[in-house]
C-alpha atoms as a PDB file:
ATOM      1  CA  MET A   1       2.105 -21.197 -18.098  1.00  0.00           C
ATOM      2  CA  THR A   2      -1.433 -20.300 -17.025  1.00  0.00           C
ATOM      3  CA  LYS A   3      -3.904 -19.385 -19.762  1.00  0.00           C
ATOM      4  CA  LEU A   4      -7.075 -17.446 -19.012  1.00  0.00           C
ATOM      5  CA  THR A   5     -10.267 -16.860 -20.997  1.00  0.00           C
ATOM      6  CA  TYR A   6     -11.766 -13.374 -21.420  1.00  0.00           C
ATOM      7  CA  ARG A   7     -13.958 -13.949 -18.372  1.00  0.00           C
ATOM      8  CA  GLU A   8     -11.117 -15.295 -16.209  1.00  0.00           C
ATOM      9  CA  ALA A   9      -8.755 -12.527 -17.331  1.00  0.00           C
ATOM     10  CA  ALA A  10     -11.333  -9.842 -16.561  1.00  0.00           C
ATOM     11  CA  ALA A  11     -11.878 -11.250 -13.076  1.00  0.00           C
ATOM     12  CA  ARG A  12      -8.111 -11.459 -12.475  1.00  0.00           C
ATOM     13  CA  VAL A  13      -7.468  -7.745 -13.162  1.00  0.00           C
ATOM     14  CA  LYS A  14     -10.923  -6.561 -12.010  1.00  0.00           C
ATOM     15  CA  ARG A  15     -11.947  -5.187 -15.379  1.00  0.00           C
ATOM     16  CA  SER A  16     -14.835  -5.997 -17.715  1.00  0.00           C
ATOM     17  CA  ARG A  17     -14.685  -8.604 -20.470  1.00  0.00           C
ATOM     18  CA  ARG A  18     -15.192  -5.710 -22.850  1.00  0.00           C
ATOM     19  CA  SER A  19     -11.939  -4.122 -21.613  1.00  0.00           C
ATOM     20  CA  ILE A  20     -10.050  -7.371 -22.198  1.00  0.00           C
ATOM     21  CA  ARG A  21     -11.493  -7.576 -25.712  1.00  0.00           C
ATOM     22  CA  ARG A  22     -10.500  -3.948 -26.370  1.00  0.00           C
ATOM     23  CA  TRP A  23      -6.963  -4.665 -25.147  1.00  0.00           C
ATOM     24  CA  HIS A  24      -6.820  -7.594 -27.567  1.00  0.00           C
ATOM     25  CA  LEU A  25      -7.968  -5.368 -30.425  1.00  0.00           C
ATOM     26  CA  ASN A  26      -5.260  -2.871 -29.441  1.00  0.00           C
ATOM     27  CA  GLY A  27      -2.483  -5.444 -29.637  1.00  0.00           C
ATOM     28  CA  MET A  28      -2.442  -7.722 -26.585  1.00  0.00           C
ATOM     29  CA  ARG A  29      -1.340 -11.171 -27.750  1.00  0.00           C
ATOM     30  CA  MET A  30      -3.996 -13.854 -27.397  1.00  0.00           C
ATOM     31  CA  GLY A  31      -4.395 -17.353 -28.760  1.00  0.00           C
ATOM     32  CA  TRP A  32      -7.007 -20.046 -29.172  1.00  0.00           C
ATOM     33  CA  GLU A  33      -7.643 -23.118 -27.069  1.00  0.00           C
ATOM     34  CA  VAL A  34     -10.274 -25.863 -27.092  1.00  0.00           C
ATOM     35  CA  ARG A  35     -12.169 -26.124 -23.801  1.00  0.00           C
ATOM     36  CA  GLU A  36     -15.126 -28.431 -23.370  1.00  0.00           C
ATOM     37  CA  GLY A  37     -15.354 -28.910 -27.128  1.00  0.00           C
ATOM     38  CA  GLN A  38     -15.410 -25.203 -27.988  1.00  0.00           C
ATOM     39  CA  ARG A  39     -12.701 -22.873 -29.196  1.00  0.00           C
ATOM     40  CA  VAL A  40     -12.120 -19.958 -26.846  1.00  0.00           C
ATOM     41  CA  ARG A  41      -9.725 -17.030 -26.820  1.00  0.00           C
ATOM     42  CA  VAL A  42      -7.057 -17.313 -24.138  1.00  0.00           C
ATOM     43  CA  VAL A  43      -4.293 -15.057 -22.870  1.00  0.00           C
ATOM     44  CA  GLU A  44      -1.249 -16.054 -20.870  1.00  0.00           C
ATOM     45  CA  LEU A  45      -1.273 -14.685 -17.333  1.00  0.00           C
ATOM     46  CA  SER A  46       2.157 -13.050 -17.709  1.00  0.00           C
ATOM     47  CA  VAL A  47       1.060 -11.229 -20.895  1.00  0.00           C
ATOM     48  CA  LEU A  48      -2.160 -10.057 -19.241  1.00  0.00           C
ATOM     49  CA  LEU A  49      -0.400  -8.722 -16.139  1.00  0.00           C
ATOM     50  CA  ALA A  50       2.310  -6.968 -18.189  1.00  0.00           C
ATOM     51  CA  TRP A  51      -0.376  -5.307 -20.339  1.00  0.00           C
ATOM     52  CA  TRP A  52      -2.371  -4.302 -17.242  1.00  0.00           C
ATOM     53  CA  ARG A  53       0.668  -2.825 -15.462  1.00  0.00           C
ATOM     54  CA  GLN A  54       1.508  -0.798 -18.567  1.00  0.00           C
ATOM     55  CA  ARG A  55      -2.053   0.584 -18.658  1.00  0.00           C
ATOM     56  CA  LEU A  56      -1.809   1.608 -14.985  1.00  0.00           C
ATOM     57  CA  LYS A  57       1.587   3.195 -15.532  1.00  0.00           C
ATOM     58  CA  ASN A  58       0.127   5.395 -18.278  1.00  0.00           C
ATOM     59  CA  ASP A  59      -3.105   6.253 -16.436  1.00  0.00           C
ATOM     60  CA  PRO A  60      -2.977   9.829 -15.042  1.00  0.00           C
ATOM     61  CA  VAL A  61      -5.703   9.163 -12.452  1.00  0.00           C
ATOM     62  CA  HIS A  62      -3.810   6.179 -11.063  1.00  0.00           C
ATOM     63  CA  GLN A  63      -0.580   8.192 -10.957  1.00  0.00           C
ATOM     64  CA  GLN A  64      -2.325  11.041  -9.077  1.00  0.00           C
ATOM     65  CA  ARG A  65      -3.637   8.555  -6.495  1.00  0.00           C
ATOM     66  CA  LEU A  66      -0.138   7.159  -6.001  1.00  0.00           C
ATOM     67  CA  ARG A  67       1.305  10.678  -5.530  1.00  0.00           C
ATOM     68  CA  ALA A  68      -1.407  11.545  -2.993  1.00  0.00           C
ATOM     69  CA  LYS A  69      -0.762   8.327  -1.072  1.00  0.00           C
ATOM     70  CA  ARG A  70       2.996   8.979  -0.983  1.00  0.00           C
ATOM     71  CA  ALA A  71       2.427  12.575   0.151  1.00  0.00           C
ATOM     72  CA  ALA A  72       0.152  11.407   2.979  1.00  0.00           C
ATOM     73  CA  GLU A  73       2.724   8.838   4.099  1.00  0.00           C
ATOM     74  CA  THR A  74       5.514  11.426   3.992  1.00  0.00           C
ATOM     75  CA  ALA A  75       3.440  13.983   5.909  1.00  0.00           C
ATOM     76  CA  GLY A  76       2.721  11.396   8.583  1.00  0.00           C
ATOM     77  CA  GLN A  77       6.417  10.647   9.042  1.00  0.00           C
ATOM     78  CA  ASP A  78       7.465  14.312   9.238  1.00  0.00           C
ATOM     79  CA  SER A  79       5.006  15.337  11.942  1.00  0.00           C
ATOM     80  CA  PRO A  80       6.274  15.162  15.515  1.00  0.00           C
ATOM     81  CA  GLU A  81       4.670  12.516  17.649  1.00  0.00           C
ATOM     82  CA  PRO A  82       2.799  13.705  20.740  1.00  0.00           C
ATOM     83  CA  ILE A  83       4.607  13.205  24.025  1.00  0.00           C
ATOM     84  CA  SER A  84       2.592  11.186  26.476  1.00  0.00           C
ATOM     85  CA  SER A  85       3.049  11.813  30.163  1.00  0.00           C
END
């Protein structure tokens, strides 16, 4: 059970610490832990990744990119390959 701080979580999903804080304020479960004598907010890796995947699933820009990628892959498979002599 890996626990990450705001900074570590942000680096893991390539988002800002501000985004992680906003996710926490919107309901992502986080706890407290003492590290080097100070209390810090931590999130379990599995909770963070589940939250992040849900955000991507609901993001229209991300979905459009996925559709474009699939269409390009499909178009590449349907085209006849050139015959070399």
